[in-house]
Structure formats: C-alpha cells, structure tokens
N, C-alpha and C. Protein backbone atom coordinates (compact mmCIF):
# COMPACT_ATOMS: atom_id res chain seq x y z
N MET A 1 -32.05 -89.77 -67.21
CA MET A 1 -33.03 -90.46 -68.05
C MET A 1 -32.71 -90.21 -69.52
N SER A 2 -32.69 -91.27 -70.31
CA SER A 2 -32.33 -91.11 -71.72
C SER A 2 -33.47 -90.44 -72.49
N LYS A 3 -33.07 -89.76 -73.54
CA LYS A 3 -34.04 -89.03 -74.35
C LYS A 3 -34.49 -89.88 -75.54
N THR A 4 -35.54 -89.41 -76.19
CA THR A 4 -36.06 -90.08 -77.39
C THR A 4 -35.81 -89.19 -78.59
N ILE A 5 -35.31 -89.79 -79.65
CA ILE A 5 -35.15 -89.11 -80.94
C ILE A 5 -36.25 -89.63 -81.84
N GLU A 6 -37.17 -88.78 -82.24
CA GLU A 6 -38.21 -89.17 -83.18
C GLU A 6 -37.72 -88.88 -84.60
N PHE A 7 -37.81 -89.85 -85.45
CA PHE A 7 -37.27 -89.76 -86.81
C PHE A 7 -38.40 -89.96 -87.81
N TYR A 8 -38.87 -88.85 -88.39
CA TYR A 8 -39.89 -88.89 -89.44
C TYR A 8 -39.19 -89.07 -90.78
N PHE A 9 -39.63 -90.05 -91.55
CA PHE A 9 -38.89 -90.39 -92.78
C PHE A 9 -39.82 -90.96 -93.84
N ASP A 10 -39.28 -91.01 -95.05
CA ASP A 10 -39.91 -91.68 -96.19
C ASP A 10 -38.78 -92.38 -96.93
N VAL A 11 -38.97 -93.65 -97.30
CA VAL A 11 -37.90 -94.41 -97.95
C VAL A 11 -37.52 -93.85 -99.32
N GLY A 12 -38.36 -93.02 -99.90
CA GLY A 12 -38.06 -92.42 -101.19
C GLY A 12 -37.16 -91.21 -101.10
N SER A 13 -36.78 -90.84 -99.89
CA SER A 13 -35.92 -89.67 -99.66
C SER A 13 -34.48 -90.13 -99.45
N PRO A 14 -33.56 -89.73 -100.34
CA PRO A 14 -32.17 -90.12 -100.13
C PRO A 14 -31.60 -89.53 -98.84
N ALA A 15 -32.08 -88.37 -98.45
CA ALA A 15 -31.62 -87.78 -97.19
C ALA A 15 -32.11 -88.61 -95.99
N SER A 16 -33.32 -89.16 -96.09
CA SER A 16 -33.81 -90.06 -95.04
C SER A 16 -32.93 -91.30 -94.95
N TYR A 17 -32.56 -91.84 -96.11
CA TYR A 17 -31.69 -93.01 -96.14
C TYR A 17 -30.36 -92.70 -95.46
N LEU A 18 -29.74 -91.58 -95.81
CA LEU A 18 -28.45 -91.23 -95.20
C LEU A 18 -28.57 -91.11 -93.69
N ALA A 19 -29.60 -90.42 -93.23
CA ALA A 19 -29.80 -90.27 -91.79
C ALA A 19 -30.00 -91.63 -91.13
N TRP A 20 -30.80 -92.47 -91.76
CA TRP A 20 -31.10 -93.80 -91.22
C TRP A 20 -29.83 -94.61 -91.01
N THR A 21 -28.86 -94.47 -91.94
CA THR A 21 -27.61 -95.23 -91.81
C THR A 21 -26.82 -94.82 -90.58
N GLN A 22 -27.11 -93.65 -90.02
CA GLN A 22 -26.33 -93.12 -88.90
C GLN A 22 -27.02 -93.25 -87.55
N LEU A 23 -28.29 -93.65 -87.55
CA LEU A 23 -29.08 -93.61 -86.32
C LEU A 23 -28.60 -94.56 -85.24
N ASP A 24 -28.20 -95.77 -85.60
CA ASP A 24 -27.77 -96.73 -84.58
C ASP A 24 -26.55 -96.20 -83.82
N ALA A 25 -25.58 -95.70 -84.56
CA ALA A 25 -24.37 -95.18 -83.92
C ALA A 25 -24.69 -93.96 -83.07
N LEU A 26 -25.57 -93.11 -83.57
CA LEU A 26 -25.97 -91.91 -82.82
C LEU A 26 -26.65 -92.32 -81.51
N ALA A 27 -27.51 -93.31 -81.57
CA ALA A 27 -28.20 -93.78 -80.38
C ALA A 27 -27.21 -94.37 -79.38
N GLN A 28 -26.23 -95.11 -79.88
CA GLN A 28 -25.22 -95.69 -78.99
C GLN A 28 -24.40 -94.60 -78.30
N ARG A 29 -24.05 -93.57 -79.04
CA ARG A 29 -23.23 -92.49 -78.45
C ARG A 29 -23.99 -91.69 -77.41
N THR A 30 -25.28 -91.50 -77.63
CA THR A 30 -26.07 -90.64 -76.75
C THR A 30 -26.85 -91.40 -75.69
N GLY A 31 -27.05 -92.69 -75.91
CA GLY A 31 -27.92 -93.46 -75.02
C GLY A 31 -29.40 -93.17 -75.26
N ALA A 32 -29.69 -92.43 -76.33
CA ALA A 32 -31.08 -92.08 -76.65
C ALA A 32 -31.78 -93.26 -77.31
N ARG A 33 -33.09 -93.26 -77.19
CA ARG A 33 -33.94 -94.24 -77.88
C ARG A 33 -34.44 -93.59 -79.16
N VAL A 34 -34.33 -94.31 -80.27
CA VAL A 34 -34.80 -93.80 -81.56
C VAL A 34 -36.17 -94.38 -81.85
N GLU A 35 -37.10 -93.49 -82.17
CA GLU A 35 -38.45 -93.90 -82.57
C GLU A 35 -38.61 -93.60 -84.05
N LEU A 36 -38.71 -94.66 -84.86
CA LEU A 36 -38.85 -94.52 -86.30
C LEU A 36 -40.31 -94.26 -86.65
N LYS A 37 -40.55 -93.14 -87.36
CA LYS A 37 -41.93 -92.71 -87.62
C LYS A 37 -42.15 -92.56 -89.13
N PRO A 38 -42.70 -93.60 -89.76
CA PRO A 38 -43.00 -93.50 -91.19
C PRO A 38 -44.03 -92.42 -91.46
N MET A 39 -43.85 -91.73 -92.57
CA MET A 39 -44.83 -90.75 -93.04
C MET A 39 -44.75 -90.74 -94.56
N LEU A 40 -45.77 -90.20 -95.20
CA LEU A 40 -45.77 -90.12 -96.66
C LEU A 40 -45.30 -88.73 -97.07
N LEU A 41 -44.09 -88.67 -97.61
CA LEU A 41 -43.50 -87.38 -97.95
C LEU A 41 -44.34 -86.63 -98.98
N GLY A 42 -44.92 -87.35 -99.93
CA GLY A 42 -45.79 -86.69 -100.92
C GLY A 42 -46.97 -86.01 -100.25
N GLY A 43 -47.52 -86.65 -99.22
CA GLY A 43 -48.62 -86.05 -98.46
C GLY A 43 -48.17 -84.82 -97.70
N VAL A 44 -46.97 -84.88 -97.15
CA VAL A 44 -46.41 -83.71 -96.45
C VAL A 44 -46.23 -82.56 -97.43
N PHE A 45 -45.68 -82.85 -98.60
CA PHE A 45 -45.49 -81.81 -99.61
C PHE A 45 -46.82 -81.17 -100.00
N MET A 46 -47.84 -82.01 -100.21
CA MET A 46 -49.15 -81.47 -100.60
C MET A 46 -49.73 -80.59 -99.50
N ALA A 47 -49.56 -81.00 -98.27
CA ALA A 47 -50.15 -80.26 -97.14
C ALA A 47 -49.42 -78.96 -96.84
N THR A 48 -48.13 -78.91 -97.17
CA THR A 48 -47.32 -77.74 -96.79
C THR A 48 -46.95 -76.84 -97.96
N GLY A 49 -47.20 -77.30 -99.19
CA GLY A 49 -46.80 -76.50 -100.35
C GLY A 49 -45.33 -76.65 -100.68
N ASN A 50 -44.65 -77.57 -100.03
CA ASN A 50 -43.23 -77.81 -100.30
C ASN A 50 -43.11 -78.75 -101.49
N SER A 51 -41.89 -78.92 -101.99
CA SER A 51 -41.66 -79.87 -103.08
C SER A 51 -40.23 -80.38 -102.98
N SER A 52 -39.97 -81.44 -103.70
CA SER A 52 -38.64 -82.04 -103.71
C SER A 52 -37.63 -81.08 -104.33
N PRO A 53 -36.38 -81.08 -103.83
CA PRO A 53 -35.33 -80.29 -104.48
C PRO A 53 -35.17 -80.68 -105.95
N ALA A 54 -35.56 -81.91 -106.30
CA ALA A 54 -35.43 -82.38 -107.68
C ALA A 54 -36.29 -81.58 -108.65
N THR A 55 -37.29 -80.85 -108.13
CA THR A 55 -38.16 -80.07 -109.02
C THR A 55 -37.49 -78.78 -109.49
N VAL A 56 -36.40 -78.40 -108.86
CA VAL A 56 -35.61 -77.23 -109.28
C VAL A 56 -34.27 -77.77 -109.78
N PRO A 57 -34.02 -77.77 -111.09
CA PRO A 57 -32.84 -78.45 -111.63
C PRO A 57 -31.52 -78.10 -110.94
N ALA A 58 -31.24 -76.82 -110.74
CA ALA A 58 -29.97 -76.45 -110.11
C ALA A 58 -29.90 -76.96 -108.67
N LYS A 59 -31.01 -76.85 -107.95
CA LYS A 59 -31.05 -77.33 -106.57
C LYS A 59 -30.94 -78.85 -106.52
N GLY A 60 -31.61 -79.53 -107.44
CA GLY A 60 -31.53 -80.98 -107.50
C GLY A 60 -30.12 -81.46 -107.77
N ASN A 61 -29.43 -80.80 -108.71
CA ASN A 61 -28.04 -81.16 -109.02
C ASN A 61 -27.14 -80.96 -107.81
N TYR A 62 -27.30 -79.81 -107.15
CA TYR A 62 -26.46 -79.55 -105.97
C TYR A 62 -26.77 -80.54 -104.86
N SER A 63 -28.04 -80.82 -104.66
CA SER A 63 -28.46 -81.74 -103.60
C SER A 63 -27.82 -83.11 -103.80
N ARG A 64 -27.78 -83.60 -105.04
CA ARG A 64 -27.15 -84.89 -105.32
C ARG A 64 -25.67 -84.87 -104.96
N ILE A 65 -24.99 -83.79 -105.32
CA ILE A 65 -23.56 -83.67 -105.01
C ILE A 65 -23.36 -83.61 -103.50
N ASP A 66 -24.17 -82.80 -102.83
CA ASP A 66 -24.04 -82.62 -101.39
C ASP A 66 -24.29 -83.93 -100.65
N MET A 67 -25.32 -84.66 -101.05
CA MET A 67 -25.61 -85.92 -100.37
C MET A 67 -24.52 -86.95 -100.61
N GLN A 68 -23.89 -86.90 -101.79
CA GLN A 68 -22.77 -87.82 -102.04
C GLN A 68 -21.59 -87.47 -101.13
N ARG A 69 -21.40 -86.19 -100.88
CA ARG A 69 -20.34 -85.79 -99.94
C ARG A 69 -20.60 -86.38 -98.56
N TYR A 70 -21.86 -86.31 -98.12
CA TYR A 70 -22.20 -86.87 -96.81
C TYR A 70 -22.06 -88.39 -96.81
N ALA A 71 -22.46 -89.05 -97.89
CA ALA A 71 -22.31 -90.50 -97.96
C ALA A 71 -20.83 -90.87 -97.82
N ASN A 72 -19.97 -90.13 -98.49
CA ASN A 72 -18.53 -90.37 -98.39
C ASN A 72 -18.04 -90.15 -96.96
N ARG A 73 -18.51 -89.09 -96.33
CA ARG A 73 -18.12 -88.80 -94.95
C ARG A 73 -18.58 -89.91 -94.01
N TYR A 74 -19.80 -90.40 -94.23
CA TYR A 74 -20.35 -91.44 -93.37
C TYR A 74 -19.78 -92.83 -93.69
N GLY A 75 -19.15 -92.96 -94.85
CA GLY A 75 -18.62 -94.26 -95.25
C GLY A 75 -19.71 -95.24 -95.67
N VAL A 76 -20.77 -94.71 -96.31
CA VAL A 76 -21.86 -95.57 -96.77
C VAL A 76 -22.06 -95.38 -98.27
N THR A 77 -22.69 -96.36 -98.88
CA THR A 77 -22.99 -96.28 -100.30
C THR A 77 -24.28 -95.51 -100.51
N LEU A 78 -24.26 -94.57 -101.43
CA LEU A 78 -25.46 -93.87 -101.89
C LEU A 78 -25.35 -93.75 -103.39
N ASN A 79 -26.20 -94.49 -104.09
CA ASN A 79 -26.24 -94.40 -105.55
C ASN A 79 -27.44 -93.57 -105.95
N GLN A 80 -27.29 -92.85 -107.05
CA GLN A 80 -28.38 -92.00 -107.54
C GLN A 80 -29.37 -92.86 -108.30
N ASN A 81 -30.52 -93.08 -107.70
CA ASN A 81 -31.53 -93.93 -108.32
C ASN A 81 -32.06 -93.25 -109.58
N PRO A 82 -31.89 -93.88 -110.77
CA PRO A 82 -32.32 -93.24 -112.01
C PRO A 82 -33.84 -93.09 -112.12
N PHE A 83 -34.58 -93.74 -111.24
CA PHE A 83 -36.04 -93.68 -111.29
C PHE A 83 -36.60 -92.65 -110.30
N PHE A 84 -35.72 -91.98 -109.59
CA PHE A 84 -36.12 -90.96 -108.61
C PHE A 84 -36.73 -89.77 -109.33
N PRO A 85 -37.81 -89.19 -108.79
CA PRO A 85 -38.55 -89.57 -107.59
C PRO A 85 -39.53 -90.71 -107.85
N ILE A 86 -39.72 -91.54 -106.83
CA ILE A 86 -40.60 -92.71 -106.92
C ILE A 86 -41.78 -92.50 -105.98
N ASN A 87 -42.97 -92.85 -106.46
CA ASN A 87 -44.15 -92.79 -105.60
C ASN A 87 -44.02 -93.90 -104.56
N THR A 88 -43.93 -93.51 -103.29
CA THR A 88 -43.65 -94.49 -102.22
C THR A 88 -44.89 -94.86 -101.41
N LEU A 89 -46.07 -94.55 -101.91
CA LEU A 89 -47.29 -94.80 -101.14
C LEU A 89 -47.36 -96.24 -100.62
N HIS A 90 -47.18 -97.22 -101.50
CA HIS A 90 -47.30 -98.62 -101.09
C HIS A 90 -46.14 -99.04 -100.21
N LEU A 91 -44.95 -98.53 -100.52
CA LEU A 91 -43.78 -98.86 -99.69
C LEU A 91 -43.94 -98.33 -98.27
N MET A 92 -44.48 -97.12 -98.15
CA MET A 92 -44.65 -96.54 -96.82
C MET A 92 -45.81 -97.17 -96.07
N ARG A 93 -46.83 -97.63 -96.80
CA ARG A 93 -47.89 -98.41 -96.14
C ARG A 93 -47.29 -99.71 -95.61
N GLY A 94 -46.37 -100.30 -96.37
CA GLY A 94 -45.69 -101.49 -95.90
C GLY A 94 -44.89 -101.20 -94.64
N ALA A 95 -44.18 -100.07 -94.63
CA ALA A 95 -43.41 -99.70 -93.44
C ALA A 95 -44.33 -99.54 -92.25
N MET A 96 -45.46 -98.90 -92.46
CA MET A 96 -46.41 -98.69 -91.38
C MET A 96 -46.96 -100.03 -90.88
N ALA A 97 -47.18 -100.96 -91.80
CA ALA A 97 -47.71 -102.27 -91.43
C ALA A 97 -46.75 -103.04 -90.53
N TYR A 98 -45.45 -102.82 -90.72
CA TYR A 98 -44.45 -103.55 -89.94
C TYR A 98 -43.92 -102.77 -88.74
N GLN A 99 -44.31 -101.50 -88.63
CA GLN A 99 -43.85 -100.71 -87.49
C GLN A 99 -44.23 -101.40 -86.18
N GLY A 100 -43.27 -101.47 -85.28
CA GLY A 100 -43.54 -102.09 -84.00
C GLY A 100 -43.41 -103.60 -83.98
N THR A 101 -43.03 -104.19 -85.11
CA THR A 101 -42.84 -105.64 -85.17
C THR A 101 -41.35 -105.96 -85.28
N ALA A 102 -41.03 -107.23 -85.11
CA ALA A 102 -39.64 -107.68 -85.21
C ALA A 102 -39.12 -107.56 -86.64
N ASP A 103 -40.01 -107.44 -87.62
CA ASP A 103 -39.60 -107.37 -89.03
C ASP A 103 -39.43 -105.94 -89.56
N PHE A 104 -39.69 -104.96 -88.71
CA PHE A 104 -39.68 -103.56 -89.17
C PHE A 104 -38.31 -103.15 -89.70
N GLU A 105 -37.25 -103.39 -88.93
CA GLU A 105 -35.90 -103.00 -89.35
C GLU A 105 -35.49 -103.73 -90.63
N ARG A 106 -35.84 -105.00 -90.72
CA ARG A 106 -35.49 -105.78 -91.91
C ARG A 106 -36.23 -105.23 -93.13
N TYR A 107 -37.49 -104.85 -92.94
CA TYR A 107 -38.26 -104.26 -94.05
C TYR A 107 -37.57 -102.97 -94.52
N LEU A 108 -37.21 -102.11 -93.58
CA LEU A 108 -36.57 -100.85 -93.94
C LEU A 108 -35.23 -101.08 -94.63
N THR A 109 -34.44 -102.00 -94.09
CA THR A 109 -33.15 -102.32 -94.71
C THR A 109 -33.35 -102.81 -96.14
N THR A 110 -34.31 -103.69 -96.33
CA THR A 110 -34.59 -104.25 -97.66
C THR A 110 -34.98 -103.15 -98.64
N VAL A 111 -35.87 -102.27 -98.23
CA VAL A 111 -36.38 -101.24 -99.15
C VAL A 111 -35.36 -100.12 -99.35
N PHE A 112 -34.77 -99.63 -98.27
CA PHE A 112 -33.75 -98.57 -98.42
C PHE A 112 -32.61 -99.04 -99.32
N ASN A 113 -32.12 -100.26 -99.11
CA ASN A 113 -31.02 -100.75 -99.93
C ASN A 113 -31.40 -100.89 -101.39
N ALA A 114 -32.62 -101.35 -101.64
CA ALA A 114 -33.09 -101.48 -103.03
C ALA A 114 -33.14 -100.12 -103.72
N MET A 115 -33.56 -99.12 -102.95
CA MET A 115 -33.68 -97.76 -103.51
C MET A 115 -32.32 -97.10 -103.73
N TRP A 116 -31.47 -97.12 -102.69
CA TRP A 116 -30.31 -96.24 -102.67
C TRP A 116 -28.96 -96.93 -102.81
N ILE A 117 -28.97 -98.26 -102.90
CA ILE A 117 -27.74 -98.99 -103.21
C ILE A 117 -27.91 -99.70 -104.55
N ASP A 118 -29.02 -100.44 -104.68
CA ASP A 118 -29.24 -101.25 -105.89
C ASP A 118 -29.89 -100.48 -107.04
N GLU A 119 -30.38 -99.24 -106.76
CA GLU A 119 -30.92 -98.35 -107.81
C GLU A 119 -32.11 -98.97 -108.55
N LEU A 120 -32.97 -99.67 -107.84
CA LEU A 120 -34.10 -100.34 -108.47
C LEU A 120 -35.32 -99.44 -108.56
N ASP A 121 -36.17 -99.74 -109.52
CA ASP A 121 -37.41 -98.98 -109.71
C ASP A 121 -38.47 -99.51 -108.76
N MET A 122 -38.46 -98.99 -107.53
CA MET A 122 -39.36 -99.48 -106.50
C MET A 122 -40.78 -98.92 -106.63
N GLY A 123 -41.06 -98.30 -107.76
CA GLY A 123 -42.43 -97.90 -108.08
C GLY A 123 -43.15 -98.96 -108.88
N GLN A 124 -42.42 -100.02 -109.27
CA GLN A 124 -42.99 -101.10 -110.08
C GLN A 124 -43.29 -102.31 -109.20
N PRO A 125 -44.56 -102.73 -109.13
CA PRO A 125 -44.94 -103.83 -108.24
C PRO A 125 -44.12 -105.11 -108.43
N GLU A 126 -43.79 -105.44 -109.68
CA GLU A 126 -43.04 -106.68 -109.90
C GLU A 126 -41.62 -106.58 -109.35
N VAL A 127 -41.03 -105.38 -109.43
CA VAL A 127 -39.69 -105.16 -108.87
C VAL A 127 -39.76 -105.24 -107.34
N VAL A 128 -40.76 -104.59 -106.77
CA VAL A 128 -40.94 -104.61 -105.32
C VAL A 128 -41.13 -106.05 -104.83
N GLY A 129 -41.92 -106.83 -105.56
CA GLY A 129 -42.15 -108.22 -105.18
C GLY A 129 -40.86 -109.01 -105.11
N LYS A 130 -40.00 -108.84 -106.13
CA LYS A 130 -38.72 -109.56 -106.15
C LYS A 130 -37.82 -109.11 -105.00
N VAL A 131 -37.80 -107.81 -104.75
CA VAL A 131 -36.97 -107.26 -103.67
C VAL A 131 -37.43 -107.81 -102.32
N LEU A 132 -38.73 -107.80 -102.09
CA LEU A 132 -39.26 -108.29 -100.82
C LEU A 132 -38.97 -109.77 -100.64
N ALA A 133 -39.14 -110.56 -101.70
CA ALA A 133 -38.87 -112.00 -101.61
C ALA A 133 -37.40 -112.24 -101.27
N LYS A 134 -36.52 -111.48 -101.92
CA LYS A 134 -35.08 -111.61 -101.64
C LYS A 134 -34.77 -111.23 -100.19
N GLY A 135 -35.56 -110.29 -99.64
CA GLY A 135 -35.37 -109.85 -98.26
C GLY A 135 -36.01 -110.77 -97.24
N GLY A 136 -36.61 -111.88 -97.71
CA GLY A 136 -37.20 -112.85 -96.80
C GLY A 136 -38.66 -112.62 -96.48
N PHE A 137 -39.31 -111.76 -97.26
CA PHE A 137 -40.74 -111.49 -97.05
C PHE A 137 -41.57 -112.22 -98.10
N ASP A 138 -42.80 -112.50 -97.74
CA ASP A 138 -43.77 -113.01 -98.70
C ASP A 138 -44.43 -111.79 -99.33
N PRO A 139 -44.14 -111.50 -100.62
CA PRO A 139 -44.68 -110.30 -101.24
C PRO A 139 -46.20 -110.18 -101.15
N ALA A 140 -46.90 -111.29 -101.29
CA ALA A 140 -48.37 -111.25 -101.21
C ALA A 140 -48.82 -110.85 -99.81
N GLU A 141 -48.10 -111.34 -98.80
CA GLU A 141 -48.44 -110.99 -97.42
C GLU A 141 -48.20 -109.50 -97.16
N VAL A 142 -47.09 -108.99 -97.68
CA VAL A 142 -46.79 -107.56 -97.52
C VAL A 142 -47.88 -106.73 -98.18
N MET A 143 -48.29 -107.12 -99.39
CA MET A 143 -49.31 -106.38 -100.11
C MET A 143 -50.64 -106.42 -99.37
N THR A 144 -50.96 -107.55 -98.80
CA THR A 144 -52.20 -107.68 -98.02
C THR A 144 -52.17 -106.75 -96.82
N LYS A 145 -51.03 -106.75 -96.12
CA LYS A 145 -50.89 -105.87 -94.94
C LYS A 145 -50.98 -104.41 -95.36
N ALA A 146 -50.29 -104.04 -96.45
CA ALA A 146 -50.25 -102.65 -96.90
C ALA A 146 -51.60 -102.18 -97.43
N SER A 147 -52.44 -103.13 -97.84
CA SER A 147 -53.76 -102.78 -98.37
C SER A 147 -54.84 -102.72 -97.29
N ASP A 148 -54.49 -103.09 -96.08
CA ASP A 148 -55.44 -103.09 -94.96
C ASP A 148 -55.91 -101.65 -94.70
N PRO A 149 -57.21 -101.41 -94.68
CA PRO A 149 -57.71 -100.04 -94.45
C PRO A 149 -57.17 -99.42 -93.15
N ALA A 150 -56.96 -100.24 -92.14
CA ALA A 150 -56.44 -99.71 -90.87
C ALA A 150 -55.01 -99.19 -91.05
N VAL A 151 -54.20 -99.89 -91.85
CA VAL A 151 -52.82 -99.46 -92.12
C VAL A 151 -52.82 -98.18 -92.94
N LYS A 152 -53.69 -98.12 -93.94
CA LYS A 152 -53.81 -96.90 -94.75
C LYS A 152 -54.15 -95.71 -93.87
N GLU A 153 -55.07 -95.92 -92.96
CA GLU A 153 -55.48 -94.84 -92.05
C GLU A 153 -54.35 -94.46 -91.11
N GLN A 154 -53.58 -95.44 -90.64
CA GLN A 154 -52.45 -95.16 -89.76
C GLN A 154 -51.42 -94.27 -90.46
N LEU A 155 -51.13 -94.58 -91.73
CA LEU A 155 -50.15 -93.77 -92.46
C LEU A 155 -50.69 -92.36 -92.68
N LYS A 156 -51.96 -92.27 -93.01
CA LYS A 156 -52.58 -90.95 -93.20
C LYS A 156 -52.50 -90.14 -91.91
N LYS A 157 -52.83 -90.76 -90.78
CA LYS A 157 -52.80 -90.06 -89.49
C LYS A 157 -51.38 -89.69 -89.10
N ALA A 158 -50.42 -90.58 -89.36
CA ALA A 158 -49.02 -90.30 -89.04
C ALA A 158 -48.52 -89.11 -89.85
N THR A 159 -48.92 -89.03 -91.11
CA THR A 159 -48.52 -87.92 -91.97
C THR A 159 -49.16 -86.62 -91.49
N GLU A 160 -50.43 -86.69 -91.13
CA GLU A 160 -51.12 -85.50 -90.59
C GLU A 160 -50.48 -85.06 -89.28
N GLU A 161 -50.11 -86.02 -88.44
CA GLU A 161 -49.44 -85.68 -87.18
C GLU A 161 -48.13 -84.96 -87.44
N ALA A 162 -47.36 -85.47 -88.41
CA ALA A 162 -46.08 -84.84 -88.76
C ALA A 162 -46.30 -83.39 -89.18
N VAL A 163 -47.26 -83.18 -90.07
CA VAL A 163 -47.55 -81.82 -90.55
C VAL A 163 -47.99 -80.92 -89.40
N SER A 164 -48.81 -81.46 -88.50
CA SER A 164 -49.30 -80.65 -87.38
C SER A 164 -48.17 -80.24 -86.44
N ARG A 165 -47.07 -80.99 -86.47
CA ARG A 165 -45.92 -80.67 -85.62
C ARG A 165 -44.94 -79.73 -86.32
N GLY A 166 -45.22 -79.39 -87.57
CA GLY A 166 -44.34 -78.47 -88.29
C GLY A 166 -43.44 -79.11 -89.32
N VAL A 167 -43.60 -80.41 -89.54
CA VAL A 167 -42.77 -81.12 -90.52
C VAL A 167 -43.14 -80.66 -91.92
N PHE A 168 -42.12 -80.38 -92.74
CA PHE A 168 -42.36 -79.97 -94.13
C PHE A 168 -41.52 -80.77 -95.11
N GLY A 169 -40.67 -81.66 -94.60
CA GLY A 169 -39.82 -82.47 -95.46
C GLY A 169 -39.21 -83.62 -94.67
N ALA A 170 -38.37 -84.39 -95.37
CA ALA A 170 -37.77 -85.57 -94.73
C ALA A 170 -36.26 -85.59 -94.98
N PRO A 171 -35.52 -86.03 -93.98
CA PRO A 171 -35.99 -86.47 -92.67
C PRO A 171 -36.18 -85.29 -91.72
N THR A 172 -37.04 -85.47 -90.75
CA THR A 172 -37.22 -84.50 -89.68
C THR A 172 -37.11 -85.24 -88.35
N PHE A 173 -36.39 -84.62 -87.44
CA PHE A 173 -36.17 -85.20 -86.12
C PHE A 173 -36.79 -84.31 -85.06
N PHE A 174 -37.25 -84.95 -84.00
CA PHE A 174 -37.65 -84.23 -82.80
C PHE A 174 -36.90 -84.83 -81.62
N VAL A 175 -36.36 -83.96 -80.78
CA VAL A 175 -35.86 -84.35 -79.47
C VAL A 175 -36.65 -83.47 -78.51
N GLY A 176 -37.64 -84.07 -77.86
CA GLY A 176 -38.59 -83.28 -77.09
C GLY A 176 -39.36 -82.38 -78.04
N ASP A 177 -39.39 -81.08 -77.75
CA ASP A 177 -40.09 -80.13 -78.62
C ASP A 177 -39.19 -79.53 -79.70
N ASP A 178 -37.91 -79.85 -79.66
CA ASP A 178 -36.96 -79.27 -80.62
C ASP A 178 -36.99 -80.05 -81.92
N MET A 179 -37.22 -79.33 -83.03
CA MET A 179 -37.29 -79.94 -84.35
C MET A 179 -36.02 -79.64 -85.12
N PHE A 180 -35.53 -80.66 -85.85
CA PHE A 180 -34.35 -80.51 -86.70
C PHE A 180 -34.67 -81.13 -88.05
N PHE A 181 -34.50 -80.35 -89.12
CA PHE A 181 -34.81 -80.83 -90.46
C PHE A 181 -33.52 -81.13 -91.22
N GLY A 182 -33.48 -82.30 -91.83
CA GLY A 182 -32.40 -82.65 -92.74
C GLY A 182 -31.36 -83.56 -92.11
N GLN A 183 -30.82 -84.45 -92.92
CA GLN A 183 -29.79 -85.36 -92.43
C GLN A 183 -28.51 -84.63 -92.09
N ASP A 184 -28.38 -83.42 -92.59
CA ASP A 184 -27.18 -82.63 -92.28
C ASP A 184 -27.29 -81.91 -90.94
N ARG A 185 -28.32 -82.22 -90.16
CA ARG A 185 -28.48 -81.65 -88.82
C ARG A 185 -28.25 -82.70 -87.73
N LEU A 186 -27.64 -83.82 -88.11
CA LEU A 186 -27.45 -84.90 -87.14
C LEU A 186 -26.61 -84.47 -85.94
N GLU A 187 -25.64 -83.59 -86.14
CA GLU A 187 -24.83 -83.17 -84.99
C GLU A 187 -25.67 -82.37 -84.01
N TRP A 188 -26.65 -81.64 -84.51
CA TRP A 188 -27.55 -80.90 -83.63
C TRP A 188 -28.50 -81.85 -82.90
N VAL A 189 -28.95 -82.87 -83.62
CA VAL A 189 -29.79 -83.90 -83.00
C VAL A 189 -29.01 -84.58 -81.88
N GLU A 190 -27.76 -84.92 -82.18
CA GLU A 190 -26.92 -85.59 -81.19
C GLU A 190 -26.69 -84.71 -79.95
N ALA A 191 -26.45 -83.45 -80.18
CA ALA A 191 -26.24 -82.53 -79.05
C ALA A 191 -27.49 -82.45 -78.20
N ALA A 192 -28.66 -82.34 -78.84
CA ALA A 192 -29.91 -82.24 -78.09
C ALA A 192 -30.20 -83.52 -77.32
N ALA A 193 -29.86 -84.67 -77.91
CA ALA A 193 -30.11 -85.95 -77.27
C ALA A 193 -29.12 -86.22 -76.14
N SER A 194 -27.99 -85.54 -76.17
CA SER A 194 -26.94 -85.76 -75.16
C SER A 194 -27.14 -84.91 -73.92
N ASN A 195 -27.89 -83.82 -74.03
CA ASN A 195 -28.05 -82.89 -72.91
C ASN A 195 -28.99 -83.42 -71.84
C-alpha cells in the first residue's frame, strides 16, 4: 500500500518553493501520494516563537546561499525576491480556497513562480491581480473566495493543526507520524515514503 506524504507549506517560503519543485518526481519514485497542506507561516511563527532566518542577518545570508546551491542541484530557478519577506495571508487564503479543486496546482504554480522566479512584490494587491489574470484566474473571483469567512477559518484551523503536530516552520513533511523539517530533508522523506 502506498504511503502519503503530507506537505505543509507557505508560498512565501523559498524553501517551500524548492521542495514543491521536487514533489512530483519524489512521488513518482516512491509511488506515494502527496497531500498539499497550506498553512500560514506567520501564524506558525507566532504560535511557536520561531522566526524567519532572514531576521538574523548572518543566518539569512547563509540561507540564501544554501538554497541557491539546492536550486542548482535540482536544476530549477530560484531568484532572491527583493521584497522578501512578504505577508502571504491573502495568498494562502487563496491557496486554501482552491485546495481540492482542479485549479489548485495552477494557483500554486502561478503564485510560486511570481514569487521565486519573477521576483514580484506579491504583497501588493495590484501586482497579485495582474499575476492571477496572467495565470488564467479572475482576480476578483480569487479575492471573493479568499475573503470567504469559511476559507479564513479553514486556513486558521489548518495552521493550528500544523502547530499541534509539532510544525514550527516551512516546509514540514509528515510520512505517517514521522516529521521532517526543511527542503533539505527530502531524501529522508523519500526513504520514509519508500519503506
């Protein structure tokens, strides 16, 4: 029986983006099913007392170098977004609104690429609107969905669920009860999903 890889992420996390670029191939190699689980990283940080590596200059500088090494290894583009860190509340509500629909992957591709390839300021509503329109979405419809109280509550509950499971940052993976933090733990995720 194939296993499930749960992937907790936030589009504002470059490490989440890097991991996301590798998930399809990892699933194909292991036969595992990937469950994409949006959460609000800012909410996780507030609940756990954690913070972005960017808040410590030396750690932030090293993190950027290290993630570029992984991008090179993976053969994917990762550009340093000059607007990082970006408040992703509305973007993650959008992700939650599309979770489980045929448009979910396209939404994630559109937003991740805007953040980490095109280096756009996705904290600005007018920029987000243009990005979504280019990705084939009706920006007004996305905003309506993201503003739905039920969607807001879903994201809040998903973030609380992540914290209750021990999540303190993004990306975080679960294979059964085993937790793996960071895109640099993909080989461990793969091993757990293969057993």
